[in-house]
N, C-alpha and C. Protein backbone atom coordinates (compact mmCIF):
# COMPACT_ATOMS: atom_id res chain seq x y z
N UNK A 1 104.53 -29.20 6.26
CA UNK A 1 105.16 -29.63 5.14
C UNK A 1 105.16 -28.88 3.97
N UNK A 2 106.24 -29.03 3.36
CA UNK A 2 106.44 -28.15 2.11
C UNK A 2 106.68 -29.17 0.91
N UNK A 3 105.87 -28.97 -0.26
CA UNK A 3 105.76 -29.94 -1.19
C UNK A 3 106.12 -29.24 -2.69
N UNK A 4 107.11 -29.51 -3.40
CA UNK A 4 107.36 -29.00 -4.78
C UNK A 4 107.23 -30.00 -5.74
N UNK A 5 106.31 -29.82 -6.77
CA UNK A 5 106.11 -30.73 -7.76
C UNK A 5 106.45 -30.08 -8.99
N UNK A 6 107.34 -30.74 -9.80
CA UNK A 6 107.56 -30.27 -11.27
C UNK A 6 106.73 -30.85 -12.29
N UNK A 7 106.40 -30.11 -13.10
CA UNK A 7 105.34 -30.55 -14.22
C UNK A 7 105.83 -30.09 -15.58
N UNK A 8 106.15 -31.04 -16.46
CA UNK A 8 106.55 -30.65 -17.73
C UNK A 8 105.65 -31.39 -18.69
N UNK A 9 104.99 -30.63 -19.50
CA UNK A 9 104.06 -31.12 -20.49
C UNK A 9 104.48 -30.84 -21.94
N UNK A 10 103.85 -31.45 -22.97
CA UNK A 10 104.11 -31.29 -24.20
C UNK A 10 103.86 -29.74 -24.57
N UNK A 11 104.75 -29.16 -25.30
CA UNK A 11 104.55 -27.65 -25.58
C UNK A 11 103.08 -27.49 -26.30
N UNK A 12 102.64 -28.42 -27.05
CA UNK A 12 101.30 -28.08 -27.54
C UNK A 12 100.20 -28.32 -26.64
N UNK A 13 100.60 -28.61 -25.35
CA UNK A 13 99.54 -29.08 -24.23
C UNK A 13 99.72 -27.85 -23.32
N UNK A 14 100.53 -26.89 -23.40
CA UNK A 14 100.73 -25.67 -22.51
C UNK A 14 99.43 -25.06 -21.92
N UNK A 15 98.51 -24.73 -22.92
CA UNK A 15 97.43 -24.02 -22.44
C UNK A 15 96.58 -25.06 -21.64
N UNK A 16 96.36 -26.13 -21.96
CA UNK A 16 95.63 -27.17 -21.35
C UNK A 16 96.08 -27.52 -19.96
N UNK A 17 97.45 -27.52 -19.78
CA UNK A 17 98.06 -27.59 -18.37
C UNK A 17 97.94 -26.45 -17.58
N UNK A 18 97.89 -25.37 -18.15
CA UNK A 18 97.80 -24.17 -17.41
C UNK A 18 96.24 -24.24 -16.81
N UNK A 19 95.15 -24.56 -17.57
CA UNK A 19 93.82 -24.56 -17.06
C UNK A 19 93.63 -25.71 -15.97
N UNK A 20 94.43 -26.78 -16.28
CA UNK A 20 94.33 -27.94 -15.39
C UNK A 20 95.00 -27.40 -14.08
N UNK A 21 96.19 -27.02 -13.94
CA UNK A 21 96.84 -26.69 -12.75
C UNK A 21 96.14 -25.52 -12.05
N UNK A 22 95.55 -24.66 -12.71
CA UNK A 22 94.93 -23.62 -12.08
C UNK A 22 93.56 -24.23 -11.25
N UNK A 23 92.93 -25.12 -12.06
CA UNK A 23 91.82 -25.60 -11.19
C UNK A 23 92.29 -26.44 -10.00
N UNK A 24 93.41 -27.12 -10.07
CA UNK A 24 93.91 -27.91 -9.03
C UNK A 24 94.39 -26.99 -7.84
N UNK A 25 94.91 -25.83 -8.20
CA UNK A 25 95.30 -24.91 -7.22
C UNK A 25 94.22 -24.34 -6.29
N UNK A 26 93.19 -24.04 -7.14
CA UNK A 26 91.97 -23.59 -6.44
C UNK A 26 91.31 -24.63 -5.58
N UNK A 27 91.37 -25.91 -6.01
CA UNK A 27 90.63 -26.88 -5.29
C UNK A 27 91.33 -27.41 -4.01
N UNK A 28 92.72 -27.29 -4.14
CA UNK A 28 93.52 -27.70 -2.86
C UNK A 28 93.63 -26.67 -1.90
N UNK A 29 93.41 -25.33 -2.30
CA UNK A 29 93.31 -24.37 -1.33
C UNK A 29 92.16 -24.53 -0.34
N UNK A 30 91.16 -25.11 -0.86
CA UNK A 30 89.90 -25.24 0.03
C UNK A 30 90.00 -26.56 0.86
N UNK A 31 91.06 -27.39 0.70
CA UNK A 31 91.26 -28.58 1.58
C UNK A 31 91.78 -28.34 3.02
N UNK A 32 91.22 -29.25 3.75
CA UNK A 32 91.64 -29.00 5.33
C UNK A 32 93.22 -29.12 5.42
N UNK A 33 93.81 -28.34 6.27
CA UNK A 33 95.24 -28.29 6.48
C UNK A 33 96.07 -27.55 5.37
N UNK A 34 95.44 -26.97 4.22
CA UNK A 34 96.33 -26.38 3.46
C UNK A 34 96.59 -25.01 3.86
N UNK A 35 98.01 -24.64 3.94
CA UNK A 35 98.25 -23.32 4.25
C UNK A 35 98.80 -22.31 3.17
N UNK A 36 99.02 -22.91 2.10
CA UNK A 36 99.48 -22.01 0.73
C UNK A 36 99.64 -23.02 -0.46
N UNK A 37 99.10 -22.60 -1.58
CA UNK A 37 99.21 -23.37 -2.88
C UNK A 37 99.42 -22.28 -3.96
N UNK A 38 100.29 -22.60 -4.70
CA UNK A 38 100.72 -21.73 -5.93
C UNK A 38 101.12 -22.56 -7.11
N UNK A 39 100.97 -22.03 -8.14
CA UNK A 39 101.40 -22.81 -9.53
C UNK A 39 102.29 -21.57 -10.23
N UNK A 40 103.42 -21.88 -10.52
CA UNK A 40 104.26 -21.04 -11.20
C UNK A 40 104.83 -21.69 -12.68
N UNK A 41 105.15 -20.89 -13.47
CA UNK A 41 105.40 -21.23 -14.74
C UNK A 41 106.84 -20.82 -15.10
N UNK A 42 107.65 -21.64 -15.84
CA UNK A 42 108.99 -21.28 -15.97
C UNK A 42 109.11 -20.15 -17.11
N UNK A 43 109.91 -19.28 -16.81
CA UNK A 43 110.49 -18.17 -17.83
C UNK A 43 111.13 -18.62 -18.90
N UNK A 44 110.82 -18.71 -20.02
CA UNK A 44 111.55 -19.20 -21.24
C UNK A 44 111.18 -20.53 -21.75
N UNK A 45 110.63 -21.32 -20.68
CA UNK A 45 110.11 -22.60 -21.01
C UNK A 45 108.71 -22.86 -20.52
N UNK A 46 107.67 -22.21 -21.16
CA UNK A 46 106.36 -22.09 -20.70
C UNK A 46 105.60 -23.54 -20.45
N UNK A 47 106.12 -24.44 -20.99
CA UNK A 47 105.65 -25.85 -20.92
C UNK A 47 105.97 -26.54 -19.48
N UNK A 48 106.85 -25.85 -18.78
CA UNK A 48 107.35 -26.30 -17.46
C UNK A 48 106.71 -25.58 -16.39
N UNK A 49 106.22 -26.31 -15.48
CA UNK A 49 105.51 -25.61 -14.44
C UNK A 49 106.08 -26.32 -12.75
N UNK A 50 105.77 -25.43 -11.85
CA UNK A 50 106.17 -26.11 -10.52
C UNK A 50 104.68 -25.82 -9.68
N UNK A 51 104.58 -26.64 -8.80
CA UNK A 51 103.44 -26.57 -7.79
C UNK A 51 104.01 -26.46 -6.45
N UNK A 52 103.76 -25.22 -5.77
CA UNK A 52 104.28 -25.18 -4.45
C UNK A 52 103.13 -25.26 -3.44
N UNK A 53 103.27 -26.15 -2.50
CA UNK A 53 102.19 -26.35 -1.40
C UNK A 53 102.98 -26.41 -0.12
N UNK A 54 102.13 -25.67 0.81
CA UNK A 54 102.51 -25.71 2.22
C UNK A 54 101.39 -26.54 3.13
N UNK A 55 101.61 -27.50 3.84
CA UNK A 55 100.50 -28.09 4.62
C UNK A 55 100.99 -28.14 6.07
N UNK A 56 99.71 -28.06 6.88
CA UNK A 56 100.07 -27.87 8.30
C UNK A 56 100.80 -28.95 9.05
N UNK A 57 100.56 -30.07 8.54
CA UNK A 57 101.28 -31.19 9.12
C UNK A 57 101.25 -32.48 8.12
N UNK A 58 101.97 -33.43 8.42
CA UNK A 58 102.15 -34.70 7.60
C UNK A 58 100.68 -35.20 7.40
N UNK A 59 99.88 -35.46 8.34
CA UNK A 59 98.50 -35.94 8.42
C UNK A 59 97.81 -35.24 7.24
N UNK A 60 97.68 -33.99 7.18
CA UNK A 60 96.97 -33.20 6.21
C UNK A 60 97.57 -33.49 4.69
N UNK A 61 98.90 -33.46 4.79
CA UNK A 61 99.57 -33.64 3.36
C UNK A 61 99.28 -35.19 2.88
N UNK A 62 99.17 -36.15 3.80
CA UNK A 62 99.05 -37.41 3.35
C UNK A 62 97.64 -37.71 2.74
N UNK A 63 96.73 -36.97 3.60
CA UNK A 63 95.33 -36.98 3.02
C UNK A 63 95.06 -36.46 1.63
N UNK A 64 95.58 -35.31 1.66
CA UNK A 64 95.58 -34.67 0.19
C UNK A 64 96.31 -35.64 -0.85
N UNK A 65 97.33 -36.29 -0.56
CA UNK A 65 97.97 -37.16 -1.54
C UNK A 65 97.06 -38.32 -2.00
N UNK A 66 96.15 -38.71 -1.06
CA UNK A 66 95.18 -39.79 -1.36
C UNK A 66 93.84 -39.42 -2.03
N UNK A 67 93.64 -37.96 -1.91
CA UNK A 67 92.43 -37.45 -2.15
C UNK A 67 92.21 -37.17 -3.61
N UNK A 68 90.86 -36.96 -4.13
CA UNK A 68 90.48 -37.07 -5.42
C UNK A 68 91.18 -35.98 -6.21
N UNK A 69 91.33 -34.66 -5.45
CA UNK A 69 91.91 -33.55 -6.29
C UNK A 69 93.33 -34.06 -6.74
N UNK A 70 94.20 -34.53 -5.81
CA UNK A 70 95.53 -34.95 -6.22
C UNK A 70 95.56 -36.09 -7.16
N UNK A 71 94.66 -37.21 -6.99
CA UNK A 71 94.78 -38.27 -7.91
C UNK A 71 94.27 -37.88 -9.35
N UNK A 72 93.22 -37.14 -9.45
CA UNK A 72 92.64 -36.59 -10.72
C UNK A 72 93.71 -35.74 -11.41
N UNK A 73 94.32 -34.91 -10.73
CA UNK A 73 95.34 -34.01 -11.37
C UNK A 73 96.49 -34.97 -12.03
N UNK A 74 96.94 -35.80 -11.13
CA UNK A 74 98.15 -36.75 -11.69
C UNK A 74 97.69 -37.48 -12.87
N UNK A 75 96.54 -38.02 -12.84
CA UNK A 75 95.91 -38.72 -14.24
C UNK A 75 95.83 -37.96 -15.42
N UNK A 76 95.33 -36.72 -15.14
CA UNK A 76 95.22 -35.76 -16.28
C UNK A 76 96.63 -35.32 -16.81
N UNK A 77 97.36 -34.99 -16.02
CA UNK A 77 98.82 -34.47 -16.27
C UNK A 77 99.58 -35.66 -17.07
N UNK A 78 99.25 -36.96 -16.69
CA UNK A 78 100.01 -38.08 -17.37
C UNK A 78 99.62 -38.10 -18.79
N UNK A 79 98.62 -37.59 -19.02
CA UNK A 79 98.05 -37.79 -20.59
C UNK A 79 98.75 -36.83 -21.57
N UNK A 80 99.18 -35.75 -20.86
CA UNK A 80 99.78 -34.69 -21.64
C UNK A 80 101.33 -34.34 -21.29
N UNK A 81 101.81 -35.17 -20.51
CA UNK A 81 103.24 -34.92 -19.95
C UNK A 81 104.25 -35.23 -21.04
N UNK A 82 105.45 -34.40 -20.92
CA UNK A 82 106.66 -34.72 -21.67
C UNK A 82 107.67 -35.34 -20.79
N UNK A 83 107.45 -35.55 -19.50
CA UNK A 83 108.43 -36.16 -18.64
C UNK A 83 107.55 -36.57 -17.38
N UNK A 84 107.96 -37.54 -16.68
CA UNK A 84 107.33 -37.82 -15.43
C UNK A 84 107.19 -36.77 -14.36
N UNK A 85 106.07 -36.52 -13.74
CA UNK A 85 106.13 -35.58 -12.72
C UNK A 85 106.92 -36.02 -11.46
N UNK A 86 107.55 -34.92 -11.02
CA UNK A 86 108.47 -35.01 -9.75
C UNK A 86 108.12 -34.28 -8.67
N UNK A 87 107.61 -35.04 -7.74
CA UNK A 87 107.13 -34.50 -6.43
C UNK A 87 108.03 -34.63 -5.46
N UNK A 88 108.51 -33.75 -4.68
CA UNK A 88 109.49 -33.84 -3.56
C UNK A 88 108.83 -33.06 -2.35
N UNK A 89 109.08 -33.82 -1.23
CA UNK A 89 108.24 -33.47 0.01
C UNK A 89 109.46 -33.01 1.06
N UNK A 90 109.17 -31.95 1.68
CA UNK A 90 110.27 -31.52 2.58
C UNK A 90 109.55 -30.88 3.96
N UNK A 91 110.47 -30.57 4.87
CA UNK A 91 110.30 -29.94 6.20
C UNK A 91 111.06 -28.65 6.04
N UNK A 92 110.65 -27.68 6.83
CA UNK A 92 111.25 -26.38 6.81
C UNK A 92 112.75 -26.35 7.49
N UNK A 93 113.60 -25.75 6.90
CA UNK A 93 114.87 -25.56 7.58
C UNK A 93 115.21 -24.14 7.93
N UNK A 94 114.98 -23.23 6.93
CA UNK A 94 115.07 -21.85 7.16
C UNK A 94 113.87 -20.95 6.37
N UNK A 95 112.81 -20.81 7.12
CA UNK A 95 111.80 -20.11 6.46
C UNK A 95 111.16 -19.18 7.08
N UNK A 96 110.49 -18.25 6.57
CA UNK A 96 109.62 -17.01 7.13
C UNK A 96 108.27 -17.33 7.29
N UNK A 97 107.60 -16.26 7.46
CA UNK A 97 106.07 -16.57 7.66
C UNK A 97 105.57 -17.19 6.25
N UNK A 98 104.53 -18.07 6.53
CA UNK A 98 103.78 -18.89 5.47
C UNK A 98 102.89 -17.81 4.73
N UNK A 99 102.19 -17.05 5.36
CA UNK A 99 101.56 -16.22 4.65
C UNK A 99 102.10 -15.08 3.98
N UNK A 100 102.06 -15.06 2.50
CA UNK A 100 102.68 -13.99 1.80
C UNK A 100 101.95 -14.02 0.43
N UNK A 101 101.73 -12.85 -0.16
CA UNK A 101 101.04 -12.77 -1.47
C UNK A 101 101.78 -11.88 -2.33
N UNK A 102 102.73 -12.47 -3.04
CA UNK A 102 103.54 -11.65 -4.01
C UNK A 102 102.66 -10.90 -5.08
N UNK A 103 102.91 -9.80 -5.48
CA UNK A 103 102.19 -9.05 -6.31
C UNK A 103 102.62 -9.30 -7.69
N UNK A 104 101.91 -8.45 -8.68
CA UNK A 104 102.33 -8.87 -10.06
C UNK A 104 103.84 -8.38 -10.25
N UNK A 105 104.35 -8.99 -11.27
CA UNK A 105 105.79 -8.53 -11.70
C UNK A 105 106.82 -9.45 -10.73
N UNK A 106 106.47 -10.15 -9.58
CA UNK A 106 107.23 -10.97 -8.81
C UNK A 106 107.90 -12.09 -9.61
N UNK A 107 109.07 -12.18 -9.20
CA UNK A 107 110.07 -13.29 -10.04
C UNK A 107 110.23 -14.34 -8.82
N UNK A 108 109.87 -15.58 -9.12
CA UNK A 108 110.04 -16.74 -8.42
C UNK A 108 111.50 -17.54 -8.66
N UNK A 109 112.10 -18.05 -7.88
CA UNK A 109 113.31 -18.88 -8.17
C UNK A 109 113.26 -20.12 -7.42
N UNK A 110 113.39 -21.21 -7.95
CA UNK A 110 113.29 -22.42 -7.32
C UNK A 110 114.58 -23.18 -7.54
N UNK A 111 115.46 -23.67 -6.64
CA UNK A 111 116.87 -24.07 -6.78
C UNK A 111 116.84 -25.51 -5.97
N UNK A 112 117.30 -26.42 -6.69
CA UNK A 112 117.70 -27.73 -6.14
C UNK A 112 119.17 -27.71 -5.63
N UNK A 113 119.36 -27.94 -4.45
CA UNK A 113 120.69 -28.02 -3.88
C UNK A 113 121.00 -29.38 -3.33
N UNK A 114 122.00 -29.98 -3.85
CA UNK A 114 122.33 -31.48 -3.41
C UNK A 114 123.75 -31.41 -2.92
N UNK A 115 124.01 -31.69 -1.68
CA UNK A 115 125.35 -31.82 -1.18
C UNK A 115 125.67 -33.28 -0.88
N UNK A 116 126.94 -33.61 -0.85
CA UNK A 116 127.37 -34.95 -0.67
C UNK A 116 127.11 -35.50 0.80
N UNK A 117 126.70 -36.58 1.00
CA UNK A 117 126.11 -36.92 2.32
C UNK A 117 127.05 -36.83 3.36
N UNK A 118 128.37 -37.02 3.43
CA UNK A 118 129.21 -36.56 4.39
C UNK A 118 129.28 -35.23 4.77
N UNK A 119 128.97 -34.39 4.09
CA UNK A 119 129.00 -32.92 4.29
C UNK A 119 127.51 -32.31 4.34
N UNK A 120 126.63 -33.04 4.65
CA UNK A 120 125.26 -32.61 4.94
C UNK A 120 125.20 -31.47 5.89
N UNK A 121 125.76 -31.63 7.05
CA UNK A 121 125.72 -30.67 8.19
C UNK A 121 126.31 -29.32 7.66
N UNK A 122 127.38 -29.43 6.81
CA UNK A 122 127.96 -28.15 6.34
C UNK A 122 127.00 -27.63 5.37
N UNK A 123 126.48 -28.29 4.60
CA UNK A 123 125.31 -27.69 3.70
C UNK A 123 124.26 -27.14 4.41
N UNK A 124 123.86 -27.78 5.43
CA UNK A 124 122.67 -27.13 6.34
C UNK A 124 123.01 -25.63 6.80
N UNK A 125 124.35 -25.80 7.46
CA UNK A 125 124.68 -24.42 8.03
C UNK A 125 124.79 -23.31 6.93
N UNK A 126 125.42 -23.56 5.60
CA UNK A 126 125.62 -22.71 4.80
C UNK A 126 124.14 -22.18 4.22
N UNK A 127 123.14 -23.06 4.06
CA UNK A 127 121.86 -22.84 3.54
C UNK A 127 121.04 -21.83 4.64
N UNK A 128 121.20 -22.18 5.96
CA UNK A 128 120.51 -21.38 7.08
C UNK A 128 121.09 -20.05 6.97
N UNK A 129 122.54 -19.83 6.83
CA UNK A 129 122.99 -18.48 6.72
C UNK A 129 122.42 -17.72 5.66
N UNK A 130 122.31 -18.49 4.57
CA UNK A 130 121.90 -17.84 3.24
C UNK A 130 120.36 -17.26 3.38
N UNK A 131 119.60 -18.31 4.09
CA UNK A 131 118.32 -17.80 4.19
C UNK A 131 118.13 -16.66 5.07
N UNK A 132 118.79 -16.62 6.27
CA UNK A 132 118.73 -15.59 7.18
C UNK A 132 119.16 -14.31 6.47
N UNK A 133 120.17 -14.29 5.87
CA UNK A 133 120.68 -12.96 5.23
C UNK A 133 119.86 -12.61 3.99
N UNK A 134 119.29 -13.50 3.25
CA UNK A 134 118.47 -13.19 1.94
C UNK A 134 116.99 -12.44 2.47
N UNK A 135 116.55 -13.01 3.46
CA UNK A 135 115.28 -12.48 3.97
C UNK A 135 115.27 -10.88 4.47
N UNK A 136 116.37 -10.50 4.62
CA UNK A 136 116.67 -9.06 5.04
C UNK A 136 116.98 -8.16 3.83
N UNK A 137 117.04 -8.65 2.63
CA UNK A 137 117.39 -7.90 1.69
C UNK A 137 116.32 -7.12 1.11
N UNK A 138 116.72 -6.15 0.33
CA UNK A 138 115.70 -5.30 -0.18
C UNK A 138 115.02 -5.88 -1.43
N UNK A 139 113.86 -5.91 -1.51
CA UNK A 139 113.03 -6.50 -2.67
C UNK A 139 112.61 -8.10 -2.49
N UNK A 140 113.01 -8.54 -1.27
CA UNK A 140 112.82 -9.89 -1.04
C UNK A 140 111.50 -10.14 -0.53
N UNK A 141 110.51 -10.97 -1.04
CA UNK A 141 109.21 -11.21 -0.49
C UNK A 141 109.09 -12.46 0.12
N UNK A 142 109.99 -13.45 -0.21
CA UNK A 142 109.90 -14.83 0.41
C UNK A 142 111.24 -15.53 0.17
N UNK A 143 111.79 -16.10 1.28
CA UNK A 143 113.13 -16.90 1.13
C UNK A 143 113.00 -18.06 1.83
N UNK A 144 112.67 -19.22 1.46
CA UNK A 144 112.45 -20.46 1.98
C UNK A 144 113.46 -21.56 1.77
N UNK A 145 114.13 -22.03 2.79
CA UNK A 145 114.98 -23.28 2.55
C UNK A 145 114.33 -24.53 3.18
N UNK A 146 114.15 -25.53 2.48
CA UNK A 146 113.43 -26.78 2.98
C UNK A 146 114.22 -27.96 2.67
N UNK A 147 114.18 -28.79 3.46
CA UNK A 147 115.03 -30.11 3.45
C UNK A 147 114.24 -31.24 3.08
N UNK A 148 114.53 -31.91 1.97
CA UNK A 148 113.92 -33.17 1.63
C UNK A 148 113.72 -34.20 2.65
N UNK A 149 112.44 -34.78 2.73
CA UNK A 149 112.22 -35.78 3.76
C UNK A 149 112.88 -36.72 3.63
N UNK A 150 113.12 -37.54 2.51
CA UNK A 150 113.50 -38.85 2.18
C UNK A 150 115.04 -38.84 1.90
N UNK A 151 115.62 -37.61 1.64
CA UNK A 151 116.94 -37.55 1.29
C UNK A 151 117.57 -36.26 2.04
N UNK A 152 117.74 -36.36 3.23
CA UNK A 152 118.20 -35.15 4.05
C UNK A 152 119.52 -34.46 3.40
N UNK A 153 120.26 -34.78 2.42
CA UNK A 153 121.33 -34.12 1.97
C UNK A 153 120.81 -33.46 0.57
N UNK A 154 119.45 -33.46 0.43
CA UNK A 154 118.89 -32.64 -0.79
C UNK A 154 117.86 -31.52 -0.27
N UNK A 155 118.01 -30.31 -0.68
CA UNK A 155 117.41 -29.28 -0.33
C UNK A 155 116.63 -28.58 -1.42
N UNK A 156 115.67 -27.68 -1.25
CA UNK A 156 114.95 -26.93 -2.02
C UNK A 156 114.98 -25.52 -1.65
N UNK A 157 115.32 -24.48 -2.40
CA UNK A 157 115.33 -23.13 -2.13
C UNK A 157 114.18 -22.36 -2.91
N UNK A 158 113.26 -21.80 -2.27
CA UNK A 158 112.28 -21.12 -2.88
C UNK A 158 112.42 -19.64 -2.65
N UNK A 159 112.64 -18.77 -3.72
CA UNK A 159 112.79 -17.47 -3.44
C UNK A 159 111.78 -16.55 -4.13
N UNK A 160 111.11 -15.56 -3.70
CA UNK A 160 110.34 -14.74 -4.40
C UNK A 160 110.97 -13.27 -4.13
N UNK A 161 111.08 -12.54 -5.40
CA UNK A 161 111.64 -11.06 -5.47
C UNK A 161 110.54 -10.19 -6.05
N UNK A 162 110.67 -8.99 -5.53
CA UNK A 162 109.75 -7.86 -6.30
C UNK A 162 109.87 -8.00 -7.74
N UNK A 163 110.92 -8.00 -8.28
CA UNK A 163 111.19 -7.83 -9.68
C UNK A 163 112.62 -8.60 -9.97
N UNK A 164 112.94 -8.46 -11.29
CA UNK A 164 114.13 -9.00 -11.92
C UNK A 164 115.36 -8.17 -11.37
N UNK A 165 115.18 -6.84 -11.13
CA UNK A 165 116.19 -6.08 -10.47
C UNK A 165 116.69 -6.62 -9.32
N UNK A 166 115.68 -6.72 -8.32
CA UNK A 166 115.87 -7.12 -7.03
C UNK A 166 116.60 -8.52 -7.11
N UNK A 167 116.27 -9.35 -7.95
CA UNK A 167 116.89 -10.71 -7.96
C UNK A 167 118.43 -10.60 -8.32
N UNK A 168 118.60 -9.69 -9.32
CA UNK A 168 119.92 -9.47 -9.97
C UNK A 168 120.85 -8.87 -8.76
N UNK A 169 120.27 -8.01 -7.90
CA UNK A 169 121.22 -7.43 -6.93
C UNK A 169 121.41 -8.58 -5.82
N UNK A 170 120.40 -9.50 -5.58
CA UNK A 170 120.62 -10.46 -4.67
C UNK A 170 121.75 -11.44 -5.23
N UNK A 171 121.90 -11.61 -6.49
CA UNK A 171 122.86 -12.44 -6.93
C UNK A 171 124.25 -12.04 -6.63
N UNK A 172 124.46 -10.67 -6.68
CA UNK A 172 125.73 -10.05 -6.41
C UNK A 172 126.07 -9.78 -4.95
N UNK A 173 125.04 -10.05 -4.07
CA UNK A 173 125.19 -9.85 -2.69
C UNK A 173 126.32 -10.70 -2.04
N UNK A 174 127.17 -10.14 -1.05
CA UNK A 174 128.27 -10.80 -0.51
C UNK A 174 127.80 -12.15 0.13
N UNK A 175 126.55 -12.17 0.74
CA UNK A 175 126.16 -13.50 1.34
C UNK A 175 125.95 -14.40 0.33
N UNK A 176 125.38 -14.13 -0.83
CA UNK A 176 125.04 -15.05 -1.99
C UNK A 176 126.34 -15.60 -2.46
N UNK A 177 127.34 -14.72 -2.72
CA UNK A 177 128.70 -15.16 -3.18
C UNK A 177 129.32 -16.15 -2.34
N UNK A 178 129.33 -15.68 -0.85
CA UNK A 178 129.89 -16.60 -0.06
C UNK A 178 129.32 -18.02 0.09
N UNK A 179 127.93 -17.92 -0.14
CA UNK A 179 127.33 -19.28 -0.03
C UNK A 179 127.78 -20.11 -1.08
N UNK A 180 127.81 -19.46 -2.37
CA UNK A 180 128.23 -20.16 -3.59
C UNK A 180 129.65 -20.78 -3.51
N UNK A 181 130.43 -20.02 -2.66
CA UNK A 181 131.88 -20.50 -2.65
C UNK A 181 131.92 -21.63 -1.57
N UNK A 182 131.11 -21.62 -0.42
CA UNK A 182 131.08 -22.55 0.42
C UNK A 182 130.41 -23.89 0.00
N UNK A 183 129.47 -23.73 -1.03
CA UNK A 183 128.92 -24.92 -1.60
C UNK A 183 129.80 -25.71 -2.60
N UNK A 184 130.45 -24.92 -3.34
CA UNK A 184 131.33 -25.43 -4.54
C UNK A 184 132.04 -26.86 -3.97
N UNK A 185 132.80 -27.02 -2.89
CA UNK A 185 133.57 -28.22 -2.66
C UNK A 185 132.53 -29.30 -2.07
N UNK A 186 131.44 -29.05 -1.71
CA UNK A 186 130.57 -30.07 -1.05
C UNK A 186 129.35 -30.38 -2.02
N UNK A 187 129.05 -29.73 -2.97
CA UNK A 187 127.95 -30.16 -3.92
C UNK A 187 128.10 -31.53 -4.59
N UNK A 188 126.75 -32.02 -4.87
CA UNK A 188 126.69 -33.32 -5.37
C UNK A 188 126.14 -33.18 -6.75
N UNK A 189 125.99 -31.77 -7.40
CA UNK A 189 125.27 -31.79 -8.69
C UNK A 189 125.41 -30.36 -9.06
N UNK A 190 125.07 -30.04 -10.30
CA UNK A 190 125.15 -28.72 -10.80
C UNK A 190 124.09 -27.98 -9.96
N UNK A 191 124.56 -26.69 -9.72
CA UNK A 191 123.44 -25.60 -9.01
C UNK A 191 122.33 -25.41 -10.10
N UNK A 192 121.17 -26.05 -9.71
CA UNK A 192 120.13 -26.03 -10.61
C UNK A 192 118.96 -24.87 -10.31
N UNK A 193 119.25 -23.74 -10.87
CA UNK A 193 118.52 -22.55 -10.49
C UNK A 193 117.41 -22.16 -11.65
N UNK A 194 116.11 -22.17 -11.24
CA UNK A 194 115.06 -22.09 -12.37
C UNK A 194 114.32 -20.79 -11.98
N UNK A 195 113.97 -19.93 -12.98
CA UNK A 195 113.02 -18.79 -12.68
C UNK A 195 111.63 -19.04 -13.42
N UNK A 196 110.76 -18.54 -12.38
CA UNK A 196 109.40 -18.67 -12.84
C UNK A 196 108.64 -17.27 -12.55
N UNK A 197 107.44 -17.24 -13.23
CA UNK A 197 106.30 -16.31 -12.85
C UNK A 197 105.28 -16.87 -12.25
N UNK A 198 104.33 -16.24 -11.45
CA UNK A 198 103.06 -16.96 -10.88
C UNK A 198 102.10 -16.97 -11.86
N UNK A 199 101.27 -17.88 -11.89
CA UNK A 199 100.00 -18.21 -12.64
C UNK A 199 98.99 -17.56 -11.95
N UNK A 200 98.19 -16.62 -12.62
CA UNK A 200 97.18 -15.94 -11.99
C UNK A 200 95.95 -16.97 -11.65
């Protein structure tokens, strides 16, 4: 199970959120069934964060959701938030190895992709092709395409690149431009691409 949680706090509470989310990340890394937990901070909008989690199965994820680490984090974020916390749960569609540890300077990109329901299968095929091609590119550290559990025509793409230059080269790759062309007539929303850095 792949979970992506978007957190936006009041700008004056950015440092408090950073400390809170860092403690949360360390706590859930010790929970049964957790395969990976990261906190990333949006470039240019430091009051916006995303929590990236991978769980071994639905049972582990469900137990985590009802556990004290999760409930405590939600309560504390609620007191300083600027917008409701948005948690999205997915299954893997086109993913590589779970174990990866990007180094300093890595750039994360999280993109929400929404296709119109009658064209879901076309969206799946285009995203799978993009994932397979992108993982072979120079400078790619991770490229995961995951499918939302409760809305199968919604997807999240999580990319990690060595640096901004590698990401720029990826944006110009033939496979990326072909994907964007294929997506244009079937998309249900703007292409929502956000860039982040990892929180140490």
